Amino acid sequence: MKRQFTTYAAKMRQANREALATVAALFVIVVTWLSWGIGLADSDIELFSTPLWIIGGCVGTWLVTVVAAVALAKVVFANFNLDDDEEADRG
């Protein structure tokens, strides 16, 4: 679904909102990697003969990244034309 933005300023606010949400998602991903990867490095727990910090740091971080990308796409990102509507109608 294409959202309607009436002014160029509204489009820029949406672009800024998307950028800030992406930075927030990056922060969550980095914190996940630090806590599930490096944070579990001292753990002696193994799963399928693989240390838990490898599973948490690689697979866990990947899963959080996929969830963050889907959440951004469904909730934050909007499909809109960045051109002025009047100019787009003429072309």
PDB file of N, CA and C in Angstrom:
ATOM      1  N   MET A   1       0.843  -1.177   0.000  1.00  0.00           N
ATOM      2  CA  MET A   1       0.000   0.000   0.000  1.00  0.00           C
ATOM      3  C   MET A   1       0.892   1.246   0.000  1.00  0.00           C
ATOM      4  N   LYS A   2       0.564   2.178  -0.830  1.00  0.00           N
ATOM      5  CA  LYS A   2       1.335   3.399  -0.943  1.00  0.00           C
ATOM      6  C   LYS A   2       0.730   4.470  -0.037  1.00  0.00           C
ATOM      7  N   ARG A   3       1.547   4.985   0.876  1.00  0.00           N
ATOM      8  CA  ARG A   3       1.063   6.056   1.747  1.00  0.00           C
ATOM      9  C   ARG A   3       1.074   7.361   0.992  1.00  0.00           C
ATOM     10  N   GLN A   4       0.142   8.231   1.340  1.00  0.00           N
ATOM     11  CA  GLN A   4       0.047   9.532   0.685  1.00  0.00           C
ATOM     12  C   GLN A   4       0.668  10.607   1.583  1.00  0.00           C
ATOM     13  N   PHE A   5       1.631  11.307   1.051  1.00  0.00           N
ATOM     14  CA  PHE A   5       2.250  12.438   1.746  1.00  0.00           C
ATOM     15  C   PHE A   5       1.952  13.674   0.923  1.00  0.00           C
ATOM     16  N   THR A   6       1.414  14.696   1.561  1.00  0.00           N
ATOM     17  CA  THR A   6       0.937  15.859   0.819  1.00  0.00           C
ATOM     18  C   THR A   6       2.043  16.839   0.475  1.00  0.00           C
ATOM     19  N   THR A   7       3.107  16.879   1.256  1.00  0.00           N
ATOM     20  CA  THR A   7       4.166  17.852   0.987  1.00  0.00           C
ATOM     21  C   THR A   7       5.518  17.153   0.922  1.00  0.00           C
ATOM     22  N   TYR A   8       6.461  17.845   0.340  1.00  0.00           N
ATOM     23  CA  TYR A   8       7.828  17.339   0.287  1.00  0.00           C
ATOM     24  C   TYR A   8       8.411  17.242   1.692  1.00  0.00           C
ATOM     25  N   ALA A   9       8.049  18.183   2.573  1.00  0.00           N
ATOM     26  CA  ALA A   9       8.521  18.148   3.960  1.00  0.00           C
ATOM     27  C   ALA A   9       8.020  16.894   4.674  1.00  0.00           C
ATOM     28  N   ALA A  10       6.787  16.488   4.413  1.00  0.00           N
ATOM     29  CA  ALA A  10       6.250  15.266   5.012  1.00  0.00           C
ATOM     30  C   ALA A  10       7.020  14.042   4.521  1.00  0.00           C
ATOM     31  N   LYS A  11       7.396  14.055   3.256  1.00  0.00           N
ATOM     32  CA  LYS A  11       8.194  12.959   2.708  1.00  0.00           C
ATOM     33  C   LYS A  11       9.567  12.900   3.374  1.00  0.00           C
ATOM     34  N   MET A  12      10.160  14.061   3.614  1.00  0.00           N
ATOM     35  CA  MET A  12      11.463  14.100   4.276  1.00  0.00           C
ATOM     36  C   MET A  12      11.360  13.642   5.731  1.00  0.00           C
ATOM     37  N   ARG A  13      10.271  13.981   6.406  1.00  0.00           N
ATOM     38  CA  ARG A  13      10.061  13.496   7.777  1.00  0.00           C
ATOM     39  C   ARG A  13       9.960  11.975   7.794  1.00  0.00           C
ATOM     40  N   GLN A  14       9.263  11.419   6.815  1.00  0.00           N
ATOM     41  CA  GLN A  14       9.159   9.958   6.723  1.00  0.00           C
ATOM     42  C   GLN A  14      10.529   9.338   6.446  1.00  0.00           C
ATOM     43  N   ALA A  15      11.300   9.940   5.568  1.00  0.00           N
ATOM     44  CA  ALA A  15      12.644   9.427   5.282  1.00  0.00           C
ATOM     45  C   ALA A  15      13.521   9.483   6.528  1.00  0.00           C
ATOM     46  N   ASN A  16      13.410  10.558   7.305  1.00  0.00           N
ATOM     47  CA  ASN A  16      14.166  10.669   8.554  1.00  0.00           C
ATOM     48  C   ASN A  16      13.707   9.624   9.563  1.00  0.00           C
ATOM     49  N   ARG A  17      12.403   9.392   9.620  1.00  0.00           N
ATOM     50  CA  ARG A  17      11.859   8.371  10.523  1.00  0.00           C
ATOM     51  C   ARG A  17      12.411   6.993  10.156  1.00  0.00           C
ATOM     52  N   GLU A  18      12.466   6.709   8.872  1.00  0.00           N
ATOM     53  CA  GLU A  18      13.003   5.429   8.421  1.00  0.00           C
ATOM     54  C   GLU A  18      14.486   5.296   8.761  1.00  0.00           C
ATOM     55  N   ALA A  19      15.240   6.374   8.584  1.00  0.00           N
ATOM     56  CA  ALA A  19      16.668   6.344   8.891  1.00  0.00           C
ATOM     57  C   ALA A  19      16.907   6.132  10.387  1.00  0.00           C
ATOM     58  N   LEU A  20      16.165   6.833  11.228  1.00  0.00           N
ATOM     59  CA  LEU A  20      16.327   6.671  12.671  1.00  0.00           C
ATOM     60  C   LEU A  20      15.930   5.270  13.128  1.00  0.00           C
ATOM     61  N   ALA A  21      14.880   4.738  12.562  1.00  0.00           N
ATOM     62  CA  ALA A  21      14.457   3.380  12.909  1.00  0.00           C
ATOM     63  C   ALA A  21      15.510   2.356  12.477  1.00  0.00           C
ATOM     64  N   THR A  22      16.146   2.592  11.357  1.00  0.00           N
ATOM     65  CA  THR A  22      17.198   1.695  10.887  1.00  0.00           C
ATOM     66  C   THR A  22      18.408   1.742  11.812  1.00  0.00           C
ATOM     67  N   VAL A  23      18.772   2.932  12.281  1.00  0.00           N
ATOM     68  CA  VAL A  23      19.878   3.065  13.243  1.00  0.00           C
ATOM     69  C   VAL A  23      19.517   2.370  14.555  1.00  0.00           C
ATOM     70  N   ALA A  24      18.272   2.493  14.997  1.00  0.00           N
ATOM     71  CA  ALA A  24      17.837   1.811  16.218  1.00  0.00           C
ATOM     72  C   ALA A  24      17.915   0.293  16.046  1.00  0.00           C
ATOM     73  N   ALA A  25      17.516  -0.192  14.874  1.00  0.00           N
ATOM     74  CA  ALA A  25      17.604  -1.629  14.603  1.00  0.00           C
ATOM     75  C   ALA A  25      19.063  -2.088  14.604  1.00  0.00           C
ATOM     76  N   LEU A  26      19.952  -1.278  14.035  1.00  0.00           N
ATOM     77  CA  LEU A  26      21.377  -1.595  14.054  1.00  0.00           C
ATOM     78  C   LEU A  26      21.885  -1.686  15.488  1.00  0.00           C
ATOM     79  N   PHE A  27      21.460  -0.760  16.334  1.00  0.00           N
ATOM     80  CA  PHE A  27      21.863  -0.771  17.738  1.00  0.00           C
ATOM     81  C   PHE A  27      21.408  -2.066  18.411  1.00  0.00           C
ATOM     82  N   VAL A  28      20.174  -2.483  18.167  1.00  0.00           N
ATOM     83  CA  VAL A  28      19.660  -3.730  18.745  1.00  0.00           C
ATOM     84  C   VAL A  28      20.474  -4.926  18.253  1.00  0.00           C
ATOM     85  N   ILE A  29      20.826  -4.930  16.982  1.00  0.00           N
ATOM     86  CA  ILE A  29      21.603  -6.033  16.418  1.00  0.00           C
ATOM     87  C   ILE A  29      23.003  -6.089  17.029  1.00  0.00           C
ATOM     88  N   VAL A  30      23.645  -4.941  17.194  1.00  0.00           N
ATOM     89  CA  VAL A  30      24.990  -4.905  17.780  1.00  0.00           C
ATOM     90  C   VAL A  30      24.947  -5.353  19.241  1.00  0.00           C
ATOM     91  N   VAL A  31      23.947  -4.888  19.983  1.00  0.00           N
ATOM     92  CA  VAL A  31      23.814  -5.307  21.387  1.00  0.00           C
ATOM     93  C   VAL A  31      23.571  -6.815  21.468  1.00  0.00           C
ATOM     94  N   THR A  32      22.770  -7.337  20.554  1.00  0.00           N
ATOM     95  CA  THR A  32      22.528  -8.781  20.516  1.00  0.00           C
ATOM     96  C   THR A  32      23.820  -9.530  20.251  1.00  0.00           C
ATOM     97  N   TRP A  33      24.584  -9.079  19.294  1.00  0.00           N
ATOM     98  CA  TRP A  33      25.848  -9.743  18.963  1.00  0.00           C
ATOM     99  C   TRP A  33      26.814  -9.690  20.147  1.00  0.00           C
ATOM    100  N   LEU A  34      26.892  -8.523  20.794  1.00  0.00           N
ATOM    101  CA  LEU A  34      27.804  -8.392  21.935  1.00  0.00           C
ATOM    102  C   LEU A  34      27.382  -9.279  23.101  1.00  0.00           C
ATOM    103  N   SER A  35      26.087  -9.337  23.370  1.00  0.00           N
ATOM    104  CA  SER A  35      25.637 -10.106  24.527  1.00  0.00           C
ATOM    105  C   SER A  35      25.566 -11.604  24.246  1.00  0.00           C
ATOM    106  N   TRP A  36      25.049 -12.002  23.094  1.00  0.00           N
ATOM    107  CA  TRP A  36      24.902 -13.421  22.794  1.00  0.00           C
ATOM    108  C   TRP A  36      26.179 -14.042  22.246  1.00  0.00           C
ATOM    109  N   GLY A  37      27.050 -13.245  21.681  1.00  0.00           N
ATOM    110  CA  GLY A  37      28.307 -13.769  21.151  1.00  0.00           C
ATOM    111  C   GLY A  37      29.440 -13.604  22.152  1.00  0.00           C
ATOM    112  N   ILE A  38      29.889 -12.404  22.313  1.00  0.00           N
ATOM    113  CA  ILE A  38      31.010 -12.128  23.215  1.00  0.00           C
ATOM    114  C   ILE A  38      30.614 -12.362  24.667  1.00  0.00           C
ATOM    115  N   GLY A  39      29.368 -12.017  25.013  1.00  0.00           N
ATOM    116  CA  GLY A  39      28.919 -12.195  26.393  1.00  0.00           C
ATOM    117  C   GLY A  39      28.874 -13.644  26.842  1.00  0.00           C
ATOM    118  N   LEU A  40      28.681 -14.566  25.923  1.00  0.00           N
ATOM    119  CA  LEU A  40      28.635 -15.989  26.250  1.00  0.00           C
ATOM    120  C   LEU A  40      29.968 -16.699  26.025  1.00  0.00           C
ATOM    121  N   ALA A  41      31.026 -15.965  25.735  1.00  0.00           N
ATOM    122  CA  ALA A  41      32.316 -16.579  25.407  1.00  0.00           C
ATOM    123  C   ALA A  41      32.896 -17.384  26.573  1.00  0.00           C
ATOM    124  N   ASP A  42      32.605 -17.013  27.794  1.00  0.00           N
ATOM    125  CA  ASP A  42      33.136 -17.736  28.948  1.00  0.00           C
ATOM    126  C   ASP A  42      32.304 -18.962  29.314  1.00  0.00           C
ATOM    127  N   SER A  43      31.200 -19.171  28.625  1.00  0.00           N
ATOM    128  CA  SER A  43      30.322 -20.297  28.920  1.00  0.00           C
ATOM    129  C   SER A  43      30.904 -21.586  28.352  1.00  0.00           C
ATOM    130  N   ASP A  44      30.779 -22.648  29.133  1.00  0.00           N
ATOM    131  CA  ASP A  44      31.254 -23.959  28.675  1.00  0.00           C
ATOM    132  C   ASP A  44      30.130 -24.788  28.069  1.00  0.00           C
ATOM    133  N   ILE A  45      28.965 -24.208  27.892  1.00  0.00           N
ATOM    134  CA  ILE A  45      27.816 -24.929  27.351  1.00  0.00           C
ATOM    135  C   ILE A  45      28.018 -25.164  25.858  1.00  0.00           C
ATOM    136  N   GLU A  46      27.712 -26.380  25.439  1.00  0.00           N
ATOM    137  CA  GLU A  46      27.810 -26.731  24.021  1.00  0.00           C
ATOM    138  C   GLU A  46      26.491 -27.291  23.532  1.00  0.00           C
ATOM    139  N   LEU A  47      26.178 -27.021  22.284  1.00  0.00           N
ATOM    140  CA  LEU A  47      24.981 -27.539  21.642  1.00  0.00           C
ATOM    141  C   LEU A  47      25.416 -28.140  20.306  1.00  0.00           C
ATOM    142  N   PHE A  48      25.209 -29.438  20.139  1.00  0.00           N
ATOM    143  CA  PHE A  48      25.684 -30.147  18.944  1.00  0.00           C
ATOM    144  C   PHE A  48      27.194 -29.984  18.769  1.00  0.00           C
ATOM    145  N   SER A  49      27.927 -30.100  19.860  1.00  0.00           N
ATOM    146  CA  SER A  49      29.399 -29.972  19.901  1.00  0.00           C
ATOM    147  C   SER A  49      29.888 -28.603  19.448  1.00  0.00           C
ATOM    148  N   THR A  50      29.023 -27.602  19.511  1.00  0.00           N
ATOM    149  CA  THR A  50      29.392 -26.233  19.145  1.00  0.00           C
ATOM    150  C   THR A  50      29.192 -25.339  20.370  1.00  0.00           C
ATOM    151  N   PRO A  51      30.193 -24.534  20.702  1.00  0.00           N
ATOM    152  CA  PRO A  51      30.034 -23.648  21.859  1.00  0.00           C
ATOM    153  C   PRO A  51      28.827 -22.727  21.690  1.00  0.00           C
ATOM    154  N   LEU A  52      28.149 -22.458  22.811  1.00  0.00           N
ATOM    155  CA  LEU A  52      26.937 -21.655  22.790  1.00  0.00           C
ATOM    156  C   LEU A  52      27.188 -20.246  22.264  1.00  0.00           C
ATOM    157  N   TRP A  53      28.373 -19.697  22.499  1.00  0.00           N
ATOM    158  CA  TRP A  53      28.646 -18.328  22.049  1.00  0.00           C
ATOM    159  C   TRP A  53      28.691 -18.247  20.525  1.00  0.00           C
ATOM    160  N   ILE A  54      29.079 -19.315  19.855  1.00  0.00           N
ATOM    161  CA  ILE A  54      29.080 -19.315  18.391  1.00  0.00           C
ATOM    162  C   ILE A  54      27.646 -19.333  17.866  1.00  0.00           C
ATOM    163  N   ILE A  55      26.812 -20.161  18.466  1.00  0.00           N
ATOM    164  CA  ILE A  55      25.412 -20.223  18.047  1.00  0.00           C
ATOM    165  C   ILE A  55      24.719 -18.891  18.335  1.00  0.00           C
ATOM    166  N   GLY A  56      24.942 -18.357  19.525  1.00  0.00           N
ATOM    167  CA  GLY A  56      24.321 -17.080  19.880  1.00  0.00           C
ATOM    168  C   GLY A  56      24.836 -15.927  19.045  1.00  0.00           C
ATOM    169  N   GLY A  57      26.148 -15.890  18.828  1.00  0.00           N
ATOM    170  CA  GLY A  57      26.751 -14.784  18.087  1.00  0.00           C
ATOM    171  C   GLY A  57      26.494 -14.810  16.602  1.00  0.00           C
ATOM    172  N   CYS A  58      26.329 -16.004  16.050  1.00  0.00           N
ATOM    173  CA  CYS A  58      26.099 -16.110  14.596  1.00  0.00           C
ATOM    174  C   CYS A  58      24.626 -16.315  14.269  1.00  0.00           C
ATOM    175  N   VAL A  59      24.079 -17.434  14.695  1.00  0.00           N
ATOM    176  CA  VAL A  59      22.696 -17.768  14.364  1.00  0.00           C
ATOM    177  C   VAL A  59      21.724 -16.827  15.079  1.00  0.00           C
ATOM    178  N   GLY A  60      21.973 -16.571  16.367  1.00  0.00           N
ATOM    179  CA  GLY A  60      21.093 -15.688  17.123  1.00  0.00           C
ATOM    180  C   GLY A  60      21.066 -14.277  16.570  1.00  0.00           C
ATOM    181  N   THR A  61      22.227 -13.758  16.251  1.00  0.00           N
ATOM    182  CA  THR A  61      22.302 -12.418  15.677  1.00  0.00           C
ATOM    183  C   THR A  61      21.628 -12.375  14.311  1.00  0.00           C
ATOM    184  N   TRP A  62      21.801 -13.418  13.518  1.00  0.00           N
ATOM    185  CA  TRP A  62      21.139 -13.484  12.214  1.00  0.00           C
ATOM    186  C   TRP A  62      19.629 -13.483  12.375  1.00  0.00           C
ATOM    187  N   LEU A  63      19.107 -14.248  13.319  1.00  0.00           N
ATOM    188  CA  LEU A  63      17.660 -14.289  13.542  1.00  0.00           C
ATOM    189  C   LEU A  63      17.124 -12.933  13.986  1.00  0.00           C
ATOM    190  N   VAL A  64      17.835 -12.266  14.870  1.00  0.00           N
ATOM    191  CA  VAL A  64      17.412 -10.927  15.317  1.00  0.00           C
ATOM    192  C   VAL A  64      17.448  -9.950  14.142  1.00  0.00           C
ATOM    193  N   THR A  65      18.424 -10.086  13.278  1.00  0.00           N
ATOM    194  CA  THR A  65      18.521  -9.218  12.105  1.00  0.00           C
ATOM    195  C   THR A  65      17.335  -9.432  11.163  1.00  0.00           C
ATOM    196  N   VAL A  66      16.953 -10.669  10.943  1.00  0.00           N
ATOM    197  CA  VAL A  66      15.804 -10.960  10.079  1.00  0.00           C
ATOM    198  C   VAL A  66      14.525 -10.390  10.686  1.00  0.00           C
ATOM    199  N   VAL A  67      14.333 -10.562  11.980  1.00  0.00           N
ATOM    200  CA  VAL A  67      13.151 -10.024  12.650  1.00  0.00           C
ATOM    201  C   VAL A  67      13.134  -8.497  12.557  1.00  0.00           C
ATOM    202  N   ALA A  68      14.283  -7.876  12.754  1.00  0.00           N
ATOM    203  CA  ALA A  68      14.362  -6.406  12.665  1.00  0.00           C
ATOM    204  C   ALA A  68      14.041  -5.928  11.254  1.00  0.00           C
ATOM    205  N   ALA A  69      14.546  -6.616  10.239  1.00  0.00           N
ATOM    206  CA  ALA A  69      14.279  -6.212   8.856  1.00  0.00           C
ATOM    207  C   ALA A  69      12.798  -6.347   8.515  1.00  0.00           C
ATOM    208  N   VAL A  70      12.173  -7.421   8.944  1.00  0.00           N
ATOM    209  CA  VAL A  70      10.740  -7.607   8.682  1.00  0.00           C
ATOM    210  C   VAL A  70       9.930  -6.554   9.418  1.00  0.00           C
ATOM    211  N   ALA A  71      10.294  -6.274  10.667  1.00  0.00           N
ATOM    212  CA  ALA A  71       9.575  -5.254  11.436  1.00  0.00           C
ATOM    213  C   ALA A  71       9.716  -3.878  10.790  1.00  0.00           C
ATOM    214  N   LEU A  72      10.907  -3.537  10.329  1.00  0.00           N
ATOM    215  CA  LEU A  72      11.097  -2.260   9.639  1.00  0.00           C
ATOM    216  C   LEU A  72      10.241  -2.191   8.377  1.00  0.00           C
ATOM    217  N   ALA A  73      10.232  -3.255   7.616  1.00  0.00           N
ATOM    218  CA  ALA A  73       9.474  -3.258   6.358  1.00  0.00           C
ATOM    219  C   ALA A  73       7.972  -3.170   6.593  1.00  0.00           C
ATOM    220  N   LYS A  74       7.481  -3.842   7.602  1.00  0.00           N
ATOM    221  CA  LYS A  74       6.036  -3.883   7.841  1.00  0.00           C
ATOM    222  C   LYS A  74       5.523  -2.645   8.582  1.00  0.00           C
ATOM    223  N   VAL A  75       6.325  -2.099   9.503  1.00  0.00           N
ATOM    224  CA  VAL A  75       5.835  -1.054  10.403  1.00  0.00           C
ATOM    225  C   VAL A  75       6.327   0.343  10.033  1.00  0.00           C
ATOM    226  N   VAL A  76       7.592   0.460   9.648  1.00  0.00           N
ATOM    227  CA  VAL A  76       8.203   1.784   9.521  1.00  0.00           C
ATOM    228  C   VAL A  76       8.274   2.266   8.074  1.00  0.00           C
ATOM    229  N   PHE A  77       8.773   1.444   7.186  1.00  0.00           N
ATOM    230  CA  PHE A  77       9.016   1.884   5.819  1.00  0.00           C
ATOM    231  C   PHE A  77       7.714   2.140   5.072  1.00  0.00           C
ATOM    232  N   ALA A  78       7.757   3.139   4.199  1.00  0.00           N
ATOM    233  CA  ALA A  78       6.596   3.480   3.378  1.00  0.00           C
ATOM    234  C   ALA A  78       7.035   3.552   1.923  1.00  0.00           C
ATOM    235  N   ASN A  79       6.178   3.092   1.041  1.00  0.00           N
ATOM    236  CA  ASN A  79       6.445   3.153  -0.385  1.00  0.00           C
ATOM    237  C   ASN A  79       5.820   4.434  -0.935  1.00  0.00           C
ATOM    238  N   PHE A  80       6.669   5.389  -1.295  1.00  0.00           N
ATOM    239  CA  PHE A  80       6.166   6.639  -1.844  1.00  0.00           C
ATOM    240  C   PHE A  80       7.178   7.202  -2.824  1.00  0.00           C
ATOM    241  N   ASN A  81       6.690   8.032  -3.710  1.00  0.00           N
ATOM    242  CA  ASN A  81       7.527   8.678  -4.699  1.00  0.00           C
ATOM    243  C   ASN A  81       8.141   9.927  -4.073  1.00  0.00           C
ATOM    244  N   LEU A  82       9.438  10.061  -4.139  1.00  0.00           N
ATOM    245  CA  LEU A  82      10.109  11.197  -3.516  1.00  0.00           C
ATOM    246  C   LEU A  82       9.946  12.480  -4.328  1.00  0.00           C
ATOM    247  N   ASP A  83       9.592  12.363  -5.593  1.00  0.00           N
ATOM    248  CA  ASP A  83       9.373  13.549  -6.430  1.00  0.00           C
ATOM    249  C   ASP A  83       8.139  14.300  -5.960  1.00  0.00           C
ATOM    250  N   ASP A  84       8.083  15.581  -6.310  1.00  0.00           N
ATOM    251  CA  ASP A  84       6.862  16.345  -6.044  1.00  0.00           C
ATOM    252  C   ASP A  84       5.734  15.753  -6.863  1.00  0.00           C
ATOM    253  N   ASP A  85       4.556  15.641  -6.274  1.00  0.00           N
ATOM    254  CA  ASP A  85       3.429  14.998  -6.947  1.00  0.00           C
ATOM    255  C   ASP A  85       3.051  15.715  -8.233  1.00  0.00           C
ATOM    256  N   GLU A  86       3.110  17.035  -8.239  1.00  0.00           N
ATOM    257  CA  GLU A  86       2.738  17.781  -9.445  1.00  0.00           C
ATOM    258  C   GLU A  86       3.688  17.492 -10.596  1.00  0.00           C
ATOM    259  N   GLU A  87       4.991  17.386 -10.273  1.00  0.00           N
ATOM    260  CA  GLU A  87       5.971  17.102 -11.317  1.00  0.00           C
ATOM    261  C   GLU A  87       5.812  15.675 -11.811  1.00  0.00           C
ATOM    262  N   ALA A  88       5.504  14.733 -10.918  1.00  0.00           N
ATOM    263  CA  ALA A  88       5.337  13.341 -11.312  1.00  0.00           C
ATOM    264  C   ALA A  88       4.123  13.157 -12.203  1.00  0.00           C
ATOM    265  N   ASP A  89       3.072  13.943 -11.955  1.00  0.00           N
ATOM    266  CA  ASP A  89       1.872  13.846 -12.779  1.00  0.00           C
ATOM    267  C   ASP A  89       2.127  14.354 -14.191  1.00  0.00           C
ATOM    268  N   ARG A  90       2.993  15.348 -14.336  1.00  0.00           N
ATOM    269  CA  ARG A  90       3.287  15.902 -15.671  1.00  0.00           C
ATOM    270  C   ARG A  90       4.132  14.939 -16.505  1.00  0.00           C
ATOM    271  N   GLY A  91       5.077  14.224 -15.843  1.00  0.00           N
ATOM    272  CA  GLY A  91       6.012  13.398 -16.572  1.00  0.00           C
ATOM    273  C   GLY A  91       5.454  12.118 -16.895  1.00  0.00           C
TER     274      GLY A  91
END
